Amino acid sequence: MDNNVETVLLYDEEGKEIEFDVLTKLDIKDKEYVIVAPTGEEDIDAIALRIEKDEDGNDILVTIEDDEEFEMISEAYDAISSDEI
């Protein structure tokens, strides 16, 4: 995923398009992740997604289901966030 991407469009369970701000991109253990939050929403937690490639080589964002992987990303994001304060 291009580092200059500032927003992405995702779809909710009902197929409604929602715009998300890209907060940061992380490279961890040869995998790429992105932390996003709904645009204009202050009270909603950020979401971590893994960046993968589809069969055509396009970036796709995948929900992280593994608890250990999610914890690793959360810790990395927390470390970056605390460094920026």
N, C-alpha and C. Protein backbone atom coordinates (compact mmCIF):
# COMPACT_ATOMS: atom_id res chain seq x y z
N MET A 1 0.86 -1.18 0.00
CA MET A 1 0.00 0.00 0.00
C MET A 1 0.90 1.23 0.00
N ASP A 2 0.52 2.18 -0.79
CA ASP A 2 1.25 3.43 -0.89
C ASP A 2 1.24 4.16 0.45
N ASN A 3 2.38 4.66 0.88
CA ASN A 3 2.47 5.38 2.16
C ASN A 3 1.73 6.71 2.14
N ASN A 4 1.37 7.21 0.96
CA ASN A 4 0.70 8.50 0.86
C ASN A 4 -0.82 8.40 0.93
N VAL A 5 -1.36 7.21 1.08
CA VAL A 5 -2.81 7.04 1.17
C VAL A 5 -3.28 7.61 2.49
N GLU A 6 -4.25 8.53 2.44
CA GLU A 6 -4.75 9.17 3.65
C GLU A 6 -6.11 8.64 4.08
N THR A 7 -6.89 8.13 3.14
CA THR A 7 -8.20 7.57 3.47
C THR A 7 -8.43 6.30 2.66
N VAL A 8 -9.28 5.43 3.20
CA VAL A 8 -9.71 4.23 2.48
C VAL A 8 -11.22 4.09 2.66
N LEU A 9 -11.86 3.44 1.70
CA LEU A 9 -13.29 3.18 1.79
C LEU A 9 -13.50 1.71 2.11
N LEU A 10 -14.26 1.45 3.17
CA LEU A 10 -14.59 0.08 3.57
C LEU A 10 -16.10 -0.04 3.63
N TYR A 11 -16.58 -1.26 3.68
CA TYR A 11 -18.02 -1.52 3.71
C TYR A 11 -18.40 -2.20 5.01
N ASP A 12 -19.53 -1.77 5.59
CA ASP A 12 -20.01 -2.40 6.81
C ASP A 12 -20.82 -3.65 6.46
N GLU A 13 -21.40 -4.29 7.49
CA GLU A 13 -22.13 -5.53 7.31
C GLU A 13 -23.33 -5.39 6.36
N GLU A 14 -23.85 -4.19 6.24
CA GLU A 14 -25.01 -3.94 5.40
C GLU A 14 -24.63 -3.45 4.00
N GLY A 15 -23.33 -3.40 3.72
CA GLY A 15 -22.87 -2.94 2.41
C GLY A 15 -22.74 -1.44 2.28
N LYS A 16 -22.91 -0.73 3.39
CA LYS A 16 -22.80 0.73 3.38
C LYS A 16 -21.32 1.12 3.35
N GLU A 17 -20.98 2.04 2.45
CA GLU A 17 -19.60 2.52 2.30
C GLU A 17 -19.27 3.50 3.41
N ILE A 18 -18.12 3.29 4.06
CA ILE A 18 -17.68 4.16 5.15
C ILE A 18 -16.24 4.59 4.87
N GLU A 19 -15.98 5.88 5.00
CA GLU A 19 -14.63 6.40 4.80
C GLU A 19 -13.85 6.32 6.11
N PHE A 20 -12.61 5.83 6.02
CA PHE A 20 -11.72 5.72 7.17
C PHE A 20 -10.46 6.52 6.91
N ASP A 21 -9.98 7.21 7.95
CA ASP A 21 -8.68 7.87 7.89
C ASP A 21 -7.59 6.84 8.20
N VAL A 22 -6.52 6.88 7.43
CA VAL A 22 -5.38 6.02 7.70
C VAL A 22 -4.52 6.73 8.75
N LEU A 23 -4.43 6.14 9.93
CA LEU A 23 -3.66 6.75 11.01
C LEU A 23 -2.17 6.45 10.87
N THR A 24 -1.85 5.22 10.51
CA THR A 24 -0.45 4.85 10.30
C THR A 24 -0.38 3.52 9.56
N LYS A 25 0.77 3.27 8.98
CA LYS A 25 1.06 1.99 8.34
C LYS A 25 2.22 1.36 9.10
N LEU A 26 2.14 0.07 9.37
CA LEU A 26 3.18 -0.63 10.12
C LEU A 26 3.72 -1.79 9.30
N ASP A 27 5.02 -2.01 9.36
CA ASP A 27 5.65 -3.19 8.78
C ASP A 27 6.20 -4.02 9.93
N ILE A 28 5.61 -5.19 10.15
CA ILE A 28 5.99 -6.04 11.27
C ILE A 28 6.16 -7.47 10.77
N LYS A 29 7.34 -8.04 11.01
CA LYS A 29 7.62 -9.44 10.66
C LYS A 29 7.22 -9.75 9.22
N ASP A 30 7.71 -8.95 8.30
CA ASP A 30 7.49 -9.15 6.86
C ASP A 30 6.02 -9.06 6.44
N LYS A 31 5.19 -8.45 7.28
CA LYS A 31 3.79 -8.22 6.92
C LYS A 31 3.50 -6.74 7.07
N GLU A 32 2.54 -6.26 6.28
CA GLU A 32 2.14 -4.86 6.34
C GLU A 32 0.76 -4.76 7.00
N TYR A 33 0.63 -3.72 7.82
CA TYR A 33 -0.63 -3.47 8.51
C TYR A 33 -0.97 -2.00 8.38
N VAL A 34 -2.25 -1.69 8.54
CA VAL A 34 -2.69 -0.31 8.54
C VAL A 34 -3.64 -0.14 9.72
N ILE A 35 -3.52 1.01 10.38
CA ILE A 35 -4.43 1.37 11.47
C ILE A 35 -5.33 2.46 10.93
N VAL A 36 -6.65 2.23 10.99
CA VAL A 36 -7.62 3.17 10.45
C VAL A 36 -8.67 3.51 11.49
N ALA A 37 -9.32 4.66 11.30
CA ALA A 37 -10.43 5.08 12.16
C ALA A 37 -11.46 5.78 11.27
N PRO A 38 -12.74 5.61 11.57
CA PRO A 38 -13.77 6.27 10.76
C PRO A 38 -13.55 7.78 10.70
N THR A 39 -13.61 8.34 9.51
CA THR A 39 -13.42 9.77 9.31
C THR A 39 -14.45 10.57 10.10
N GLY A 40 -13.96 11.53 10.87
CA GLY A 40 -14.84 12.42 11.62
C GLY A 40 -15.40 11.84 12.91
N GLU A 41 -15.04 10.63 13.25
CA GLU A 41 -15.55 10.00 14.47
C GLU A 41 -14.47 10.04 15.55
N GLU A 42 -14.73 10.73 16.62
CA GLU A 42 -13.76 10.88 17.70
C GLU A 42 -13.85 9.77 18.74
N ASP A 43 -15.05 9.22 18.94
CA ASP A 43 -15.28 8.28 20.03
C ASP A 43 -15.16 6.82 19.64
N ILE A 44 -14.76 6.54 18.41
CA ILE A 44 -14.68 5.16 17.95
C ILE A 44 -13.21 4.74 17.91
N ASP A 45 -12.96 3.52 18.42
CA ASP A 45 -11.60 3.00 18.45
C ASP A 45 -11.06 2.76 17.04
N ALA A 46 -9.74 2.81 16.94
CA ALA A 46 -9.07 2.52 15.68
C ALA A 46 -9.17 1.03 15.39
N ILE A 47 -9.03 0.69 14.12
CA ILE A 47 -9.11 -0.69 13.66
C ILE A 47 -7.79 -1.05 12.99
N ALA A 48 -7.26 -2.23 13.32
CA ALA A 48 -6.04 -2.73 12.69
C ALA A 48 -6.43 -3.73 11.60
N LEU A 49 -5.83 -3.56 10.43
CA LEU A 49 -6.09 -4.46 9.30
C LEU A 49 -4.76 -4.87 8.68
N ARG A 50 -4.69 -6.11 8.18
CA ARG A 50 -3.49 -6.59 7.49
C ARG A 50 -3.66 -6.30 6.00
N ILE A 51 -2.57 -5.87 5.37
CA ILE A 51 -2.58 -5.61 3.93
C ILE A 51 -2.07 -6.86 3.22
N GLU A 52 -2.87 -7.39 2.33
CA GLU A 52 -2.49 -8.54 1.52
C GLU A 52 -2.69 -8.19 0.05
N LYS A 53 -2.27 -9.07 -0.82
CA LYS A 53 -2.45 -8.89 -2.27
C LYS A 53 -3.48 -9.89 -2.77
N ASP A 54 -4.35 -9.43 -3.68
CA ASP A 54 -5.27 -10.37 -4.31
C ASP A 54 -4.57 -11.02 -5.51
N GLU A 55 -5.29 -11.86 -6.24
CA GLU A 55 -4.69 -12.60 -7.35
C GLU A 55 -4.19 -11.69 -8.47
N ASP A 56 -4.69 -10.44 -8.51
CA ASP A 56 -4.25 -9.48 -9.52
C ASP A 56 -3.14 -8.56 -9.02
N GLY A 57 -2.70 -8.77 -7.78
CA GLY A 57 -1.64 -7.94 -7.21
C GLY A 57 -2.12 -6.65 -6.58
N ASN A 58 -3.44 -6.50 -6.44
CA ASN A 58 -3.99 -5.31 -5.80
C ASN A 58 -4.02 -5.48 -4.29
N ASP A 59 -3.84 -4.38 -3.57
CA ASP A 59 -3.91 -4.42 -2.12
C ASP A 59 -5.34 -4.68 -1.66
N ILE A 60 -5.47 -5.56 -0.67
CA ILE A 60 -6.75 -5.77 -0.01
C ILE A 60 -6.51 -5.69 1.49
N LEU A 61 -7.49 -5.23 2.23
CA LEU A 61 -7.39 -5.11 3.68
C LEU A 61 -8.16 -6.26 4.31
N VAL A 62 -7.49 -6.96 5.24
CA VAL A 62 -8.03 -8.17 5.84
C VAL A 62 -8.16 -7.99 7.34
N THR A 63 -9.29 -8.39 7.89
CA THR A 63 -9.51 -8.35 9.33
C THR A 63 -8.55 -9.31 10.02
N ILE A 64 -8.01 -8.89 11.14
CA ILE A 64 -7.08 -9.71 11.91
C ILE A 64 -7.88 -10.52 12.92
N GLU A 65 -7.83 -11.84 12.77
CA GLU A 65 -8.62 -12.74 13.62
C GLU A 65 -7.77 -13.37 14.72
N ASP A 66 -6.46 -13.44 14.53
CA ASP A 66 -5.57 -14.09 15.50
C ASP A 66 -5.27 -13.13 16.65
N ASP A 67 -5.54 -13.57 17.88
CA ASP A 67 -5.35 -12.72 19.05
C ASP A 67 -3.89 -12.31 19.25
N GLU A 68 -2.96 -13.23 19.02
CA GLU A 68 -1.53 -12.91 19.19
C GLU A 68 -1.08 -11.88 18.16
N GLU A 69 -1.51 -12.04 16.94
CA GLU A 69 -1.16 -11.09 15.89
C GLU A 69 -1.74 -9.71 16.21
N PHE A 70 -2.99 -9.69 16.65
CA PHE A 70 -3.63 -8.43 17.01
C PHE A 70 -2.90 -7.75 18.17
N GLU A 71 -2.51 -8.51 19.17
CA GLU A 71 -1.79 -7.96 20.32
C GLU A 71 -0.45 -7.37 19.89
N MET A 72 0.26 -8.06 18.98
CA MET A 72 1.54 -7.57 18.48
C MET A 72 1.37 -6.22 17.78
N ILE A 73 0.33 -6.10 16.98
CA ILE A 73 0.07 -4.85 16.25
C ILE A 73 -0.33 -3.75 17.22
N SER A 74 -1.16 -4.08 18.19
CA SER A 74 -1.60 -3.10 19.20
C SER A 74 -0.42 -2.54 19.97
N GLU A 75 0.50 -3.42 20.37
CA GLU A 75 1.68 -2.97 21.11
C GLU A 75 2.55 -2.07 20.25
N ALA A 76 2.73 -2.42 18.98
CA ALA A 76 3.54 -1.59 18.08
C ALA A 76 2.89 -0.23 17.88
N TYR A 77 1.59 -0.20 17.70
CA TYR A 77 0.88 1.06 17.51
C TYR A 77 0.94 1.91 18.78
N ASP A 78 0.76 1.28 19.94
CA ASP A 78 0.85 2.02 21.20
C ASP A 78 2.23 2.63 21.39
N ALA A 79 3.28 1.89 21.01
CA ALA A 79 4.64 2.40 21.13
C ALA A 79 4.85 3.60 20.22
N ILE A 80 4.35 3.53 19.01
CA ILE A 80 4.47 4.65 18.07
C ILE A 80 3.67 5.84 18.58
N SER A 81 2.47 5.60 19.04
CA SER A 81 1.60 6.67 19.53
C SER A 81 2.20 7.38 20.73
N SER A 82 2.80 6.63 21.65
CA SER A 82 3.38 7.27 22.83
C SER A 82 4.64 8.05 22.48
N ASP A 83 5.35 7.64 21.42
CA ASP A 83 6.53 8.38 20.97
C ASP A 83 6.16 9.72 20.34
N GLU A 84 4.94 9.82 19.79
CA GLU A 84 4.52 11.05 19.11
C GLU A 84 3.99 12.10 20.07
N ILE A 85 3.74 11.71 21.31
CA ILE A 85 3.19 12.67 22.29
C ILE A 85 4.25 13.61 22.77
